[in-house]
Amino acid sequence: MSLKEKIDQDLKNSMKSGDKDRLNAIRSIRAALLEKEVSIRVGGKAVLSDDQEIEVLVSLAKKRRDAIEQFTAGNRPDLAATELSELSVIEEYLPEPVSDDEINSIVKDVVAKTGASSMKDIGKVMGEAMKALKGKADGTKVQQVVKSLLSV
């Protein structure tokens, strides 16, 4: 079952169960995927690849995390709770996140493969590492690991 089919099925189930928070979150995911499809459409119908679908979900999750941070800082726990609820639904569709040890291992492999030796090479390493970890790890965490390895 493709991601889009799974989302459509979950949308129907949420409508039947009456879970409004989950329904709203799934609708926002579906709308973002449709918006991405329309943006890449050339003279007809477009179908998103798995990578493009993950990219949309990662973007939605990042927006929710940023909003949670802002609402918490602004003393609006009610809005932060709503965003947290939506984030948990979005994360159901993302691949399983990798552990810190796995991130370290992948980044070390990338550093060895690219021959990076200083902070000047951070762009090269980040590009390769993020390709390998697409949707599985937060970019900020990957960047911290890359900086710690290259600053030695």
Protein backbone atom coordinates (compact mmCIF):
# COMPACT_ATOMS: atom_id res chain seq x y z
CA MET A 1 0.00 0.00 0.00
CA SER A 2 1.43 3.36 -1.01
CA LEU A 3 1.67 6.25 1.41
CA LYS A 4 -1.12 8.11 -0.36
CA GLU A 5 -3.44 5.09 -0.16
CA LYS A 6 -2.60 4.64 3.53
CA ILE A 7 -3.38 8.30 4.20
CA ASP A 8 -6.69 8.06 2.32
CA GLN A 9 -7.62 4.94 4.32
CA ASP A 10 -6.65 6.61 7.61
CA LEU A 11 -8.69 9.67 6.60
CA LYS A 12 -11.79 7.50 6.15
CA ASN A 13 -11.16 5.73 9.46
CA SER A 14 -10.74 9.07 11.27
CA MET A 15 -13.98 10.36 9.78
CA LYS A 16 -15.81 7.24 10.94
CA SER A 17 -14.31 7.34 14.43
CA GLY A 18 -14.97 11.07 14.89
CA ASP A 19 -11.39 11.84 15.98
CA LYS A 20 -11.31 15.48 14.86
CA ASP A 21 -7.71 16.22 15.83
CA ARG A 22 -6.41 13.23 13.89
CA LEU A 23 -8.73 14.04 10.98
CA ASN A 24 -7.42 17.61 10.76
CA ALA A 25 -3.81 16.42 10.86
CA ILE A 26 -4.38 13.85 8.11
CA ARG A 27 -6.19 16.43 6.00
CA SER A 28 -3.23 18.81 6.31
CA ILE A 29 -0.84 16.01 5.26
CA ARG A 30 -3.03 15.14 2.31
CA ALA A 31 -3.27 18.80 1.27
CA ALA A 32 0.51 19.23 1.44
CA LEU A 33 1.05 16.14 -0.71
CA LEU A 34 -1.51 17.35 -3.23
CA GLU A 35 0.10 20.79 -3.30
CA LYS A 36 3.48 19.17 -4.03
CA GLU A 37 1.92 17.09 -6.83
CA VAL A 38 0.44 20.20 -8.41
CA SER A 39 3.75 22.04 -8.15
CA ILE A 40 5.62 19.34 -10.10
CA ARG A 41 2.85 18.68 -12.62
CA VAL A 42 3.82 19.19 -16.22
CA GLY A 43 1.02 19.03 -18.76
CA GLY A 44 -1.14 16.50 -17.00
CA LYS A 45 -0.92 14.26 -14.02
CA ALA A 46 2.03 13.98 -11.66
CA VAL A 47 2.86 11.24 -9.19
CA LEU A 48 5.16 11.86 -6.26
CA SER A 49 8.07 9.52 -5.69
CA ASP A 50 8.61 7.99 -2.26
CA ASP A 51 11.47 10.45 -1.64
CA GLN A 52 9.26 13.41 -2.52
CA GLU A 53 6.52 12.16 -0.18
CA ILE A 54 9.04 11.79 2.65
CA GLU A 55 10.40 15.26 1.87
CA VAL A 56 6.89 16.74 2.29
CA LEU A 57 6.35 14.88 5.57
CA VAL A 58 9.75 15.96 6.93
CA SER A 59 8.90 19.55 6.05
CA LEU A 60 5.54 19.33 7.82
CA ALA A 61 7.16 17.79 10.90
CA LYS A 62 9.81 20.50 11.01
CA LYS A 63 7.13 23.21 10.79
CA ARG A 64 5.25 21.60 13.67
CA ARG A 65 8.39 21.37 15.82
CA ASP A 66 9.18 25.03 15.16
CA ALA A 67 5.61 26.02 15.99
CA ILE A 68 5.70 24.01 19.23
CA GLU A 69 8.90 25.80 20.21
CA GLN A 70 7.42 29.21 19.41
CA PHE A 71 4.12 28.55 21.20
CA THR A 72 5.92 27.21 24.26
CA ALA A 73 8.16 30.29 24.34
CA GLY A 74 5.09 32.48 23.91
CA ASN A 75 3.32 30.82 26.85
CA ARG A 76 0.58 29.27 24.68
CA PRO A 77 0.45 25.65 25.86
CA ASP A 78 -2.97 25.14 24.24
CA LEU A 79 -1.63 25.85 20.75
CA ALA A 80 1.55 23.89 21.46
CA ALA A 81 -0.57 20.88 22.42
CA THR A 82 -2.47 21.08 19.13
CA GLU A 83 0.77 21.20 17.15
CA LEU A 84 2.18 18.31 19.20
CA SER A 85 -0.90 16.24 18.41
CA GLU A 86 -0.49 16.93 14.68
CA LEU A 87 3.24 16.15 14.89
CA SER A 88 2.53 12.73 16.39
CA VAL A 89 0.21 11.91 13.46
CA ILE A 90 2.78 13.10 10.90
CA GLU A 91 5.49 10.99 12.55
CA GLU A 92 3.36 7.86 12.05
CA TYR A 93 3.98 8.16 8.30
CA LEU A 94 7.71 8.93 8.53
CA PRO A 95 10.31 6.16 8.50
CA GLU A 96 11.59 5.02 11.89
CA PRO A 97 14.18 7.51 13.19
CA VAL A 98 17.72 6.25 13.54
CA SER A 99 19.63 6.22 16.82
CA ASP A 100 22.49 8.58 17.66
CA ASP A 101 24.95 5.72 17.24
CA GLU A 102 23.67 5.03 13.73
CA ILE A 103 23.95 8.73 12.85
CA ASN A 104 27.56 8.75 14.11
CA SER A 105 28.35 5.64 12.09
CA ILE A 106 26.83 6.99 8.86
CA VAL A 107 28.52 10.39 9.24
CA LYS A 108 31.89 8.71 9.89
CA ASP A 109 31.43 6.66 6.72
CA VAL A 110 30.60 9.80 4.74
CA VAL A 111 33.63 11.64 6.15
CA ALA A 112 35.86 8.73 5.17
CA LYS A 113 34.28 8.44 1.72
CA THR A 114 34.53 12.15 0.92
CA GLY A 115 37.98 12.56 2.46
CA ALA A 116 36.76 15.51 4.54
CA SER A 117 39.30 16.77 7.02
CA SER A 118 38.27 20.26 8.13
CA MET A 119 35.28 22.51 8.64
CA LYS A 120 35.71 23.68 5.04
CA ASP A 121 34.28 20.32 3.95
CA ILE A 122 31.08 20.57 6.03
CA GLY A 123 28.89 21.20 2.98
CA LYS A 124 30.13 18.09 1.20
CA VAL A 125 29.64 15.93 4.26
CA MET A 126 26.22 17.35 5.16
CA GLY A 127 24.91 16.83 1.63
CA GLU A 128 25.94 13.17 1.53
CA ALA A 129 24.87 12.49 5.12
CA MET A 130 21.42 14.01 4.64
CA LYS A 131 20.90 11.93 1.48
CA ALA A 132 21.69 8.81 3.47
CA LEU A 133 19.52 9.86 6.43
CA LYS A 134 16.62 11.47 4.52
CA GLY A 135 13.55 11.46 6.74
CA LYS A 136 15.25 9.33 9.38
CA ALA A 137 17.19 11.96 11.32
CA ASP A 138 16.86 15.61 12.22
CA GLY A 139 19.22 17.85 10.24
CA THR A 140 20.26 19.74 13.35
CA LYS A 141 21.39 16.55 15.05
CA VAL A 142 23.30 15.45 11.94
CA GLN A 143 24.96 18.86 11.72
CA GLN A 144 26.11 18.63 15.34
CA VAL A 145 27.70 15.23 14.68
CA VAL A 146 29.38 16.48 11.49
CA LYS A 147 30.78 19.54 13.27
CA SER A 148 32.10 17.47 16.16
CA LEU A 149 33.87 15.07 13.78
CA LEU A 150 35.35 17.76 11.54
CA SER A 151 36.49 20.08 14.32
CA VAL A 152 38.84 17.47 15.78
